[in-house]
């Protein structure tokens, strides 16, 4: 299986099949906002799952310690990743503001 660089790919390869039409800026903004909302929801769900597993462990319910630790680590990684993405987005925005017009 050959691995091609991103620059060698055609635009139609980057878009999901059946989505060859161009979207308006408004539609793109809506799709991006929805994607961010879903990503934040996934991080929230991971945090809640970690809380539930930790609570079960503390209350003495039948739960494996390694499952609790794995769930907590997944939530931690997801939160740290989302914070780093936020930080990079803010840095990019600030850099754009510093550009001369």
PDB file of N, CA and C in Angstrom:
ATOM      1  N   UNK A   1       0.847  -1.171   0.000  1.00  0.00           N
ATOM      2  CA  UNK A   1       0.000   0.000   0.000  1.00  0.00           C
ATOM      3  C   UNK A   1       0.891   1.231   0.000  1.00  0.00           C
ATOM      4  N   UNK A   2       0.758   2.051  -1.004  1.00  0.00           N
ATOM      5  CA  UNK A   2       1.565   3.252  -1.122  1.00  0.00           C
ATOM      6  C   UNK A   2       0.939   4.388  -0.329  1.00  0.00           C
ATOM      7  N   UNK A   3       1.788   5.185   0.305  1.00  0.00           N
ATOM      8  CA  UNK A   3       1.328   6.331   1.069  1.00  0.00           C
ATOM      9  C   UNK A   3       1.665   7.584   0.278  1.00  0.00           C
ATOM     10  N   UNK A   4       0.649   8.351  -0.073  1.00  0.00           N
ATOM     11  CA  UNK A   4       0.851   9.574  -0.836  1.00  0.00           C
ATOM     12  C   UNK A   4       0.860  10.764   0.107  1.00  0.00           C
ATOM     13  N   UNK A   5       1.636  11.778  -0.259  1.00  0.00           N
ATOM     14  CA  UNK A   5       1.633  12.989   0.551  1.00  0.00           C
ATOM     15  C   UNK A   5       0.343  13.751   0.295  1.00  0.00           C
ATOM     16  N   UNK A   6      -0.007  14.637   1.200  1.00  0.00           N
ATOM     17  CA  UNK A   6      -1.247  15.397   1.079  1.00  0.00           C
ATOM     18  C   UNK A   6      -1.202  16.287  -0.153  1.00  0.00           C
ATOM     19  N   UNK A   7      -0.028  16.839  -0.473  1.00  0.00           N
ATOM     20  CA  UNK A   7       0.072  17.731  -1.628  1.00  0.00           C
ATOM     21  C   UNK A   7      -0.171  16.997  -2.939  1.00  0.00           C
ATOM     22  N   UNK A   8      -0.010  15.675  -2.951  1.00  0.00           N
ATOM     23  CA  UNK A   8      -0.223  14.894  -4.161  1.00  0.00           C
ATOM     24  C   UNK A   8      -1.691  14.527  -4.357  1.00  0.00           C
ATOM     25  N   UNK A   9      -2.516  14.754  -3.350  1.00  0.00           N
ATOM     26  CA  UNK A   9      -3.910  14.369  -3.431  1.00  0.00           C
ATOM     27  C   UNK A   9      -4.712  15.385  -4.229  1.00  0.00           C
ATOM     28  N   UNK A  10      -5.701  14.894  -4.885  1.00  0.00           N
ATOM     29  CA  UNK A  10      -6.622  15.753  -5.622  1.00  0.00           C
ATOM     30  C   UNK A  10      -7.709  16.235  -4.669  1.00  0.00           C
ATOM     31  N   UNK A  11      -8.290  17.416  -4.912  1.00  0.00           N
ATOM     32  CA  UNK A  11      -9.330  17.918  -4.010  1.00  0.00           C
ATOM     33  C   UNK A  11     -10.487  16.959  -3.809  1.00  0.00           C
ATOM     34  N   UNK A  12     -10.866  16.226  -4.841  1.00  0.00           N
ATOM     35  CA  UNK A  12     -11.992  15.306  -4.697  1.00  0.00           C
ATOM     36  C   UNK A  12     -11.645  14.128  -3.788  1.00  0.00           C
ATOM     37  N   UNK A  13     -10.345  13.856  -3.592  1.00  0.00           N
ATOM     38  CA  UNK A  13      -9.942  12.797  -2.685  1.00  0.00           C
ATOM     39  C   UNK A  13     -10.090  13.238  -1.228  1.00  0.00           C
ATOM     40  N   UNK A  14     -10.005  14.540  -0.989  1.00  0.00           N
ATOM     41  CA  UNK A  14     -10.090  15.062   0.364  1.00  0.00           C
ATOM     42  C   UNK A  14     -11.526  15.201   0.838  1.00  0.00           C
ATOM     43  N   UNK A  15     -12.467  15.313  -0.084  1.00  0.00           N
ATOM     44  CA  UNK A  15     -13.871  15.468   0.275  1.00  0.00           C
ATOM     45  C   UNK A  15     -14.544  14.106   0.309  1.00  0.00           C
ATOM     46  N   UNK A  16     -15.475  13.911   1.235  1.00  0.00           N
ATOM     47  CA  UNK A  16     -16.222  12.652   1.239  1.00  0.00           C
ATOM     48  C   UNK A  16     -16.947  12.459  -0.086  1.00  0.00           C
ATOM     49  N   UNK A  17     -17.102  11.215  -0.485  1.00  0.00           N
ATOM     50  CA  UNK A  17     -17.750  10.938  -1.765  1.00  0.00           C
ATOM     51  C   UNK A  17     -19.171  11.480  -1.779  1.00  0.00           C
ATOM     52  N   UNK A  18     -19.549  12.050  -2.888  1.00  0.00           N
ATOM     53  CA  UNK A  18     -20.891  12.597  -3.028  1.00  0.00           C
ATOM     54  C   UNK A  18     -20.987  14.056  -2.605  1.00  0.00           C
ATOM     55  N   UNK A  19     -19.897  14.653  -2.158  1.00  0.00           N
ATOM     56  CA  UNK A  19     -19.922  16.052  -1.741  1.00  0.00           C
ATOM     57  C   UNK A  19     -19.008  16.876  -2.645  1.00  0.00           C
ATOM     58  N   UNK A  20     -19.262  16.874  -3.922  1.00  0.00           N
ATOM     59  CA  UNK A  20     -18.425  17.623  -4.848  1.00  0.00           C
ATOM     60  C   UNK A  20     -18.921  19.046  -5.034  1.00  0.00           C
ATOM     61  N   UNK A  21     -20.137  19.369  -4.567  1.00  0.00           N
ATOM     62  CA  UNK A  21     -20.643  20.729  -4.706  1.00  0.00           C
ATOM     63  C   UNK A  21     -19.970  21.636  -3.696  1.00  0.00           C
ATOM     64  N   UNK A  22     -19.852  22.905  -4.050  1.00  0.00           N
ATOM     65  CA  UNK A  22     -19.224  23.879  -3.166  1.00  0.00           C
ATOM     66  C   UNK A  22     -20.266  24.431  -2.210  1.00  0.00           C
ATOM     67  N   UNK A  23     -19.851  24.649  -0.975  1.00  0.00           N
ATOM     68  CA  UNK A  23     -20.756  25.177   0.035  1.00  0.00           C
ATOM     69  C   UNK A  23     -20.530  26.679   0.167  1.00  0.00           C
ATOM     70  N   UNK A  24     -21.582  27.353   0.567  1.00  0.00           N
ATOM     71  CA  UNK A  24     -21.470  28.793   0.802  1.00  0.00           C
ATOM     72  C   UNK A  24     -20.709  29.021   2.109  1.00  0.00           C
ATOM     73  N   UNK A  25     -20.178  30.237   2.313  1.00  0.00           N
ATOM     74  CA  UNK A  25     -19.486  30.518   3.573  1.00  0.00           C
ATOM     75  C   UNK A  25     -20.381  30.285   4.792  1.00  0.00           C
ATOM     76  N   UNK A  26     -21.658  30.617   4.683  1.00  0.00           N
ATOM     77  CA  UNK A  26     -22.575  30.408   5.794  1.00  0.00           C
ATOM     78  C   UNK A  26     -22.704  28.928   6.123  1.00  0.00           C
ATOM     79  N   UNK A  27     -22.862  28.093   5.093  1.00  0.00           N
ATOM     80  CA  UNK A  27     -22.977  26.647   5.307  1.00  0.00           C
ATOM     81  C   UNK A  27     -21.696  26.084   5.908  1.00  0.00           C
ATOM     82  N   UNK A  28     -20.558  26.593   5.456  1.00  0.00           N
ATOM     83  CA  UNK A  28     -19.283  26.147   5.995  1.00  0.00           C
ATOM     84  C   UNK A  28     -19.153  26.529   7.457  1.00  0.00           C
ATOM     85  N   UNK A  29     -19.562  27.748   7.806  1.00  0.00           N
ATOM     86  CA  UNK A  29     -19.516  28.192   9.200  1.00  0.00           C
ATOM     87  C   UNK A  29     -20.433  27.329  10.066  1.00  0.00           C
ATOM     88  N   UNK A  30     -21.608  27.031   9.550  1.00  0.00           N
ATOM     89  CA  UNK A  30     -22.545  26.197  10.299  1.00  0.00           C
ATOM     90  C   UNK A  30     -21.973  24.795  10.515  1.00  0.00           C
ATOM     91  N   UNK A  31     -21.367  24.236   9.475  1.00  0.00           N
ATOM     92  CA  UNK A  31     -20.791  22.892   9.579  1.00  0.00           C
ATOM     93  C   UNK A  31     -19.614  22.889  10.562  1.00  0.00           C
ATOM     94  N   UNK A  32     -18.789  23.934  10.516  1.00  0.00           N
ATOM     95  CA  UNK A  32     -17.663  24.019  11.432  1.00  0.00           C
ATOM     96  C   UNK A  32     -18.145  24.165  12.869  1.00  0.00           C
ATOM     97  N   UNK A  33     -19.157  25.004  13.070  1.00  0.00           N
ATOM     98  CA  UNK A  33     -19.729  25.175  14.403  1.00  0.00           C
ATOM     99  C   UNK A  33     -20.317  23.883  14.932  1.00  0.00           C
ATOM    100  N   UNK A  34     -20.988  23.141  14.076  1.00  0.00           N
ATOM    101  CA  UNK A  34     -21.567  21.857  14.477  1.00  0.00           C
ATOM    102  C   UNK A  34     -20.476  20.848  14.828  1.00  0.00           C
ATOM    103  N   UNK A  35     -19.384  20.865  14.041  1.00  0.00           N
ATOM    104  CA  UNK A  35     -18.272  19.961  14.318  1.00  0.00           C
ATOM    105  C   UNK A  35     -17.644  20.283  15.676  1.00  0.00           C
ATOM    106  N   UNK A  36     -17.458  21.569  15.975  1.00  0.00           N
ATOM    107  CA  UNK A  36     -16.906  21.967  17.271  1.00  0.00           C
ATOM    108  C   UNK A  36     -17.835  21.575  18.413  1.00  0.00           C
ATOM    109  N   UNK A  37     -19.122  21.782  18.197  1.00  0.00           N
ATOM    110  CA  UNK A  37     -20.118  21.428  19.211  1.00  0.00           C
ATOM    111  C   UNK A  37     -20.080  19.921  19.500  1.00  0.00           C
ATOM    112  N   UNK A  38     -19.983  19.108  18.461  1.00  0.00           N
ATOM    113  CA  UNK A  38     -19.909  17.658  18.634  1.00  0.00           C
ATOM    114  C   UNK A  38     -18.629  17.245  19.353  1.00  0.00           C
ATOM    115  N   UNK A  39     -17.511  17.890  19.002  1.00  0.00           N
ATOM    116  CA  UNK A  39     -16.236  17.556  19.640  1.00  0.00           C
ATOM    117  C   UNK A  39     -16.271  17.895  21.131  1.00  0.00           C
ATOM    118  N   UNK A  40     -16.825  19.053  21.467  1.00  0.00           N
ATOM    119  CA  UNK A  40     -16.932  19.443  22.873  1.00  0.00           C
ATOM    120  C   UNK A  40     -17.883  18.500  23.606  1.00  0.00           C
ATOM    121  N   UNK A  41     -18.934  18.078  22.935  1.00  0.00           N
ATOM    122  CA  UNK A  41     -19.857  17.114  23.527  1.00  0.00           C
ATOM    123  C   UNK A  41     -19.179  15.781  23.817  1.00  0.00           C
ATOM    124  N   UNK A  42     -18.304  15.335  22.921  1.00  0.00           N
ATOM    125  CA  UNK A  42     -17.579  14.088  23.140  1.00  0.00           C
ATOM    126  C   UNK A  42     -16.636  14.204  24.337  1.00  0.00           C
ATOM    127  N   UNK A  43     -15.967  15.358  24.461  1.00  0.00           N
ATOM    128  CA  UNK A  43     -15.088  15.581  25.614  1.00  0.00           C
ATOM    129  C   UNK A  43     -15.912  15.565  26.900  1.00  0.00           C
ATOM    130  N   UNK A  44     -17.071  16.216  26.874  1.00  0.00           N
ATOM    131  CA  UNK A  44     -17.951  16.233  28.043  1.00  0.00           C
ATOM    132  C   UNK A  44     -18.422  14.827  28.405  1.00  0.00           C
ATOM    133  N   UNK A  45     -18.802  14.046  27.403  1.00  0.00           N
ATOM    134  CA  UNK A  45     -19.239  12.665  27.661  1.00  0.00           C
ATOM    135  C   UNK A  45     -18.118  11.836  28.273  1.00  0.00           C
ATOM    136  N   UNK A  46     -16.892  12.032  27.801  1.00  0.00           N
ATOM    137  CA  UNK A  46     -15.754  11.293  28.354  1.00  0.00           C
ATOM    138  C   UNK A  46     -15.511  11.691  29.808  1.00  0.00           C
ATOM    139  N   UNK A  47     -15.637  12.981  30.105  1.00  0.00           N
ATOM    140  CA  UNK A  47     -15.462  13.450  31.484  1.00  0.00           C
ATOM    141  C   UNK A  47     -16.547  12.867  32.398  1.00  0.00           C
ATOM    142  N   UNK A  48     -17.775  12.845  31.911  1.00  0.00           N
ATOM    143  CA  UNK A  48     -18.872  12.300  32.709  1.00  0.00           C
ATOM    144  C   UNK A  48     -18.699  10.803  32.937  1.00  0.00           C
ATOM    145  N   UNK A  49     -18.250  10.081  31.901  1.00  0.00           N
ATOM    146  CA  UNK A  49     -18.014   8.637  32.054  1.00  0.00           C
ATOM    147  C   UNK A  49     -16.916   8.392  33.085  1.00  0.00           C
ATOM    148  N   UNK A  50     -15.887   9.225  33.070  1.00  0.00           N
ATOM    149  CA  UNK A  50     -14.816   9.103  34.052  1.00  0.00           C
ATOM    150  C   UNK A  50     -15.337   9.359  35.460  1.00  0.00           C
ATOM    151  N   UNK A  51     -16.187  10.370  35.605  1.00  0.00           N
ATOM    152  CA  UNK A  51     -16.774  10.663  36.917  1.00  0.00           C
ATOM    153  C   UNK A  51     -17.625   9.502  37.427  1.00  0.00           C
ATOM    154  N   UNK A  52     -18.411   8.915  36.550  1.00  0.00           N
ATOM    155  CA  UNK A  52     -19.273   7.795  36.938  1.00  0.00           C
ATOM    156  C   UNK A  52     -18.429   6.611  37.385  1.00  0.00           C
ATOM    157  N   UNK A  53     -17.392   6.278  36.615  1.00  0.00           N
ATOM    158  CA  UNK A  53     -16.534   5.145  36.977  1.00  0.00           C
ATOM    159  C   UNK A  53     -15.811   5.402  38.297  1.00  0.00           C
ATOM    160  N   UNK A  54     -15.324   6.621  38.490  1.00  0.00           N
ATOM    161  CA  UNK A  54     -14.634   6.959  39.736  1.00  0.00           C
ATOM    162  C   UNK A  54     -15.591   6.874  40.918  1.00  0.00           C
ATOM    163  N   UNK A  55     -16.801   7.376  40.740  1.00  0.00           N
ATOM    164  CA  UNK A  55     -17.803   7.323  41.808  1.00  0.00           C
ATOM    165  C   UNK A  55     -18.129   5.873  42.174  1.00  0.00           C
ATOM    166  N   UNK A  56     -18.259   5.021  41.167  1.00  0.00           N
ATOM    167  CA  UNK A  56     -18.536   3.608  41.429  1.00  0.00           C
ATOM    168  C   UNK A  56     -17.400   2.967  42.216  1.00  0.00           C
ATOM    169  N   UNK A  57     -16.166   3.299  41.866  1.00  0.00           N
ATOM    170  CA  UNK A  57     -15.022   2.745  42.569  1.00  0.00           C
ATOM    171  C   UNK A  57     -14.995   3.197  44.028  1.00  0.00           C
ATOM    172  N   UNK A  58     -15.258   4.478  44.251  1.00  0.00           N
ATOM    173  CA  UNK A  58     -15.240   5.027  45.616  1.00  0.00           C
ATOM    174  C   UNK A  58     -16.354   4.427  46.460  1.00  0.00           C
ATOM    175  N   UNK A  59     -17.505   4.180  45.857  1.00  0.00           N
ATOM    176  CA  UNK A  59     -18.643   3.635  46.599  1.00  0.00           C
ATOM    177  C   UNK A  59     -18.533   2.130  46.818  1.00  0.00           C
ATOM    178  N   UNK A  60     -17.495   1.518  46.250  1.00  0.00           N
ATOM    179  CA  UNK A  60     -17.274   0.094  46.473  1.00  0.00           C
ATOM    180  C   UNK A  60     -18.061  -0.806  45.548  1.00  0.00           C
ATOM    181  N   UNK A  61     -18.596  -0.281  44.478  1.00  0.00           N
ATOM    182  CA  UNK A  61     -19.340  -1.114  43.528  1.00  0.00           C
ATOM    183  C   UNK A  61     -18.371  -2.003  42.748  1.00  0.00           C
ATOM    184  N   UNK A  62     -18.913  -2.992  42.097  1.00  0.00           N
ATOM    185  CA  UNK A  62     -18.108  -3.942  41.343  1.00  0.00           C
ATOM    186  C   UNK A  62     -17.612  -3.289  40.056  1.00  0.00           C
ATOM    187  N   UNK A  63     -16.379  -2.763  40.097  1.00  0.00           N
ATOM    188  CA  UNK A  63     -15.764  -2.144  38.923  1.00  0.00           C
ATOM    189  C   UNK A  63     -14.257  -2.387  39.016  1.00  0.00           C
ATOM    190  N   UNK A  64     -13.653  -2.670  37.891  1.00  0.00           N
ATOM    191  CA  UNK A  64     -12.218  -2.956  37.852  1.00  0.00           C
ATOM    192  C   UNK A  64     -11.425  -1.653  37.900  1.00  0.00           C
ATOM    193  N   UNK A  65     -10.353  -1.652  38.662  1.00  0.00           N
ATOM    194  CA  UNK A  65      -9.521  -0.463  38.806  1.00  0.00           C
ATOM    195  C   UNK A  65      -8.917  -0.037  37.475  1.00  0.00           C
ATOM    196  N   UNK A  66      -8.485  -1.012  36.678  1.00  0.00           N
ATOM    197  CA  UNK A  66      -7.870  -0.646  35.406  1.00  0.00           C
ATOM    198  C   UNK A  66      -8.887  -0.001  34.460  1.00  0.00           C
ATOM    199  N   UNK A  67     -10.147  -0.391  34.532  1.00  0.00           N
ATOM    200  CA  UNK A  67     -11.173   0.250  33.707  1.00  0.00           C
ATOM    201  C   UNK A  67     -11.374   1.710  34.125  1.00  0.00           C
ATOM    202  N   UNK A  68     -11.339   1.936  35.440  1.00  0.00           N
ATOM    203  CA  UNK A  68     -11.478   3.306  35.947  1.00  0.00           C
ATOM    204  C   UNK A  68     -10.310   4.155  35.471  1.00  0.00           C
ATOM    205  N   UNK A  69      -9.108   3.616  35.558  1.00  0.00           N
ATOM    206  CA  UNK A  69      -7.912   4.363  35.160  1.00  0.00           C
ATOM    207  C   UNK A  69      -7.894   4.630  33.651  1.00  0.00           C
ATOM    208  N   UNK A  70      -8.301   3.653  32.876  1.00  0.00           N
ATOM    209  CA  UNK A  70      -8.342   3.840  31.418  1.00  0.00           C
ATOM    210  C   UNK A  70      -9.360   4.912  31.054  1.00  0.00           C
ATOM    211  N   UNK A  71     -10.530   4.875  31.668  1.00  0.00           N
ATOM    212  CA  UNK A  71     -11.564   5.872  31.393  1.00  0.00           C
ATOM    213  C   UNK A  71     -11.092   7.259  31.800  1.00  0.00           C
ATOM    214  N   UNK A  72     -10.441   7.365  32.950  1.00  0.00           N
ATOM    215  CA  UNK A  72      -9.934   8.661  33.407  1.00  0.00           C
ATOM    216  C   UNK A  72      -8.839   9.177  32.486  1.00  0.00           C
ATOM    217  N   UNK A  73      -7.968   8.295  32.026  1.00  0.00           N
ATOM    218  CA  UNK A  73      -6.890   8.729  31.138  1.00  0.00           C
ATOM    219  C   UNK A  73      -7.425   9.166  29.780  1.00  0.00           C
ATOM    220  N   UNK A  74      -8.419   8.454  29.260  1.00  0.00           N
ATOM    221  CA  UNK A  74      -9.036   8.868  27.991  1.00  0.00           C
ATOM    222  C   UNK A  74      -9.642  10.255  28.117  1.00  0.00           C
ATOM    223  N   UNK A  75     -10.344  10.500  29.210  1.00  0.00           N
ATOM    224  CA  UNK A  75     -10.952  11.812  29.431  1.00  0.00           C
ATOM    225  C   UNK A  75      -9.882  12.881  29.551  1.00  0.00           C
ATOM    226  N   UNK A  76      -8.805  12.572  30.239  1.00  0.00           N
ATOM    227  CA  UNK A  76      -7.716  13.526  30.404  1.00  0.00           C
ATOM    228  C   UNK A  76      -7.055  13.861  29.067  1.00  0.00           C
ATOM    229  N   UNK A  77      -6.794  12.858  28.264  1.00  0.00           N
ATOM    230  CA  UNK A  77      -6.175  13.087  26.956  1.00  0.00           C
ATOM    231  C   UNK A  77      -7.088  13.914  26.060  1.00  0.00           C
ATOM    232  N   UNK A  78      -8.371  13.606  26.073  1.00  0.00           N
ATOM    233  CA  UNK A  78      -9.316  14.363  25.248  1.00  0.00           C
ATOM    234  C   UNK A  78      -9.387  15.821  25.690  1.00  0.00           C
ATOM    235  N   UNK A  79      -9.404  16.064  27.006  1.00  0.00           N
ATOM    236  CA  UNK A  79      -9.451  17.426  27.509  1.00  0.00           C
ATOM    237  C   UNK A  79      -8.174  18.177  27.173  1.00  0.00           C
ATOM    238  N   UNK A  80      -7.027  17.546  27.374  1.00  0.00           N
ATOM    239  CA  UNK A  80      -5.753  18.200  27.048  1.00  0.00           C
ATOM    240  C   UNK A  80      -5.641  18.511  25.558  1.00  0.00           C
ATOM    241  N   UNK A  81      -6.106  17.593  24.719  1.00  0.00           N
ATOM    242  CA  UNK A  81      -6.072  17.825  23.276  1.00  0.00           C
ATOM    243  C   UNK A  81      -6.962  18.998  22.893  1.00  0.00           C
ATOM    244  N   UNK A  82      -8.151  19.051  23.453  1.00  0.00           N
ATOM    245  CA  UNK A  82      -9.056  20.156  23.127  1.00  0.00           C
ATOM    246  C   UNK A  82      -8.495  21.491  23.622  1.00  0.00           C
ATOM    247  N   UNK A  83      -7.818  21.489  24.770  1.00  0.00           N
ATOM    248  CA  UNK A  83      -7.205  22.725  25.274  1.00  0.00           C
ATOM    249  C   UNK A  83      -6.060  23.179  24.367  1.00  0.00           C
ATOM    250  N   UNK A  84      -5.267  22.250  23.869  1.00  0.00           N
ATOM    251  CA  UNK A  84      -4.169  22.603  22.973  1.00  0.00           C
ATOM    252  C   UNK A  84      -4.702  23.134  21.640  1.00  0.00           C
ATOM    253  N   UNK A  85      -5.776  22.533  21.145  1.00  0.00           N
ATOM    254  CA  UNK A  85      -6.385  23.025  19.904  1.00  0.00           C
ATOM    255  C   UNK A  85      -6.917  24.432  20.115  1.00  0.00           C
ATOM    256  N   UNK A  86      -7.562  24.674  21.251  1.00  0.00           N
ATOM    257  CA  UNK A  86      -8.048  26.010  21.575  1.00  0.00           C
ATOM    258  C   UNK A  86      -6.895  26.999  21.637  1.00  0.00           C
ATOM    259  N   UNK A  87      -5.804  26.617  22.290  1.00  0.00           N
ATOM    260  CA  UNK A  87      -4.650  27.505  22.404  1.00  0.00           C
ATOM    261  C   UNK A  87      -4.065  27.836  21.040  1.00  0.00           C
ATOM    262  N   UNK A  88      -3.962  26.853  20.175  1.00  0.00           N
ATOM    263  CA  UNK A  88      -3.429  27.096  18.826  1.00  0.00           C
ATOM    264  C   UNK A  88      -4.361  27.985  18.017  1.00  0.00           C
ATOM    265  N   UNK A  89      -5.663  27.798  18.174  1.00  0.00           N
ATOM    266  CA  UNK A  89      -6.622  28.650  17.458  1.00  0.00           C
ATOM    267  C   UNK A  89      -6.513  30.092  17.933  1.00  0.00           C
ATOM    268  N   UNK A  90      -6.354  30.299  19.231  1.00  0.00           N
ATOM    269  CA  UNK A  90      -6.209  31.656  19.765  1.00  0.00           C
ATOM    270  C   UNK A  90      -4.909  32.275  19.276  1.00  0.00           C
ATOM    271  N   UNK A  91      -3.821  31.496  19.268  1.00  0.00           N
ATOM    272  CA  UNK A  91      -2.547  32.003  18.757  1.00  0.00           C
ATOM    273  C   UNK A  91      -2.678  32.404  17.288  1.00  0.00           C
ATOM    274  N   UNK A  92      -3.342  31.597  16.493  1.00  0.00           N
ATOM    275  CA  UNK A  92      -3.519  31.916  15.074  1.00  0.00           C
ATOM    276  C   UNK A  92      -4.354  33.182  14.908  1.00  0.00           C
ATOM    277  N   UNK A  93      -5.406  33.323  15.701  1.00  0.00           N
ATOM    278  CA  UNK A  93      -6.252  34.516  15.643  1.00  0.00           C
ATOM    279  C   UNK A  93      -5.446  35.759  16.012  1.00  0.00           C
ATOM    280  N   UNK A  94      -4.634  35.667  17.062  1.00  0.00           N
ATOM    281  CA  UNK A  94      -3.823  36.804  17.467  1.00  0.00           C
ATOM    282  C   UNK A  94      -2.793  37.156  16.407  1.00  0.00           C
ATOM    283  N   UNK A  95      -2.234  36.151  15.758  1.00  0.00           N
ATOM    284  CA  UNK A  95      -1.278  36.394  14.681  1.00  0.00           C
ATOM    285  C   UNK A  95      -1.952  37.101  13.504  1.00  0.00           C
ATOM    286  N   UNK A  96      -3.165  36.714  13.192  1.00  0.00           N
ATOM    287  CA  UNK A  96      -3.907  37.363  12.117  1.00  0.00           C
ATOM    288  C   UNK A  96      -4.177  38.830  12.475  1.00  0.00           C
ATOM    289  N   UNK A  97      -4.510  39.089  13.749  1.00  0.00           N
ATOM    290  CA  UNK A  97      -4.753  40.465  14.178  1.00  0.00           C
ATOM    291  C   UNK A  97      -3.510  41.328  14.060  1.00  0.00           C
ATOM    292  N   UNK A  98      -2.332  40.745  14.221  1.00  0.00           N
ATOM    293  CA  UNK A  98      -1.074  41.496  14.142  1.00  0.00           C
ATOM    294  C   UNK A  98      -0.641  41.765  12.713  1.00  0.00           C
ATOM    295  N   UNK A  99      -1.267  41.123  11.745  1.00  0.00           N
ATOM    296  CA  UNK A  99      -0.867  41.314  10.345  1.00  0.00           C
ATOM    297  C   UNK A  99      -1.226  42.717   9.875  1.00  0.00           C
ATOM    298  N   UNK A 100      -0.305  43.363   9.148  1.00  0.00           N
ATOM    299  CA  UNK A 100      -0.660  44.682   8.613  1.00  0.00           C
ATOM    300  C   UNK A 100      -1.674  44.548   7.474  1.00  0.00           C
ATOM    301  N   UNK A 101      -2.528  45.525   7.389  1.00  0.00           N
ATOM    302  CA  UNK A 101      -3.573  45.478   6.365  1.00  0.00           C
ATOM    303  C   UNK A 101      -3.164  46.197   5.122  1.00  0.00           C
TER     304      UNK A 101
END
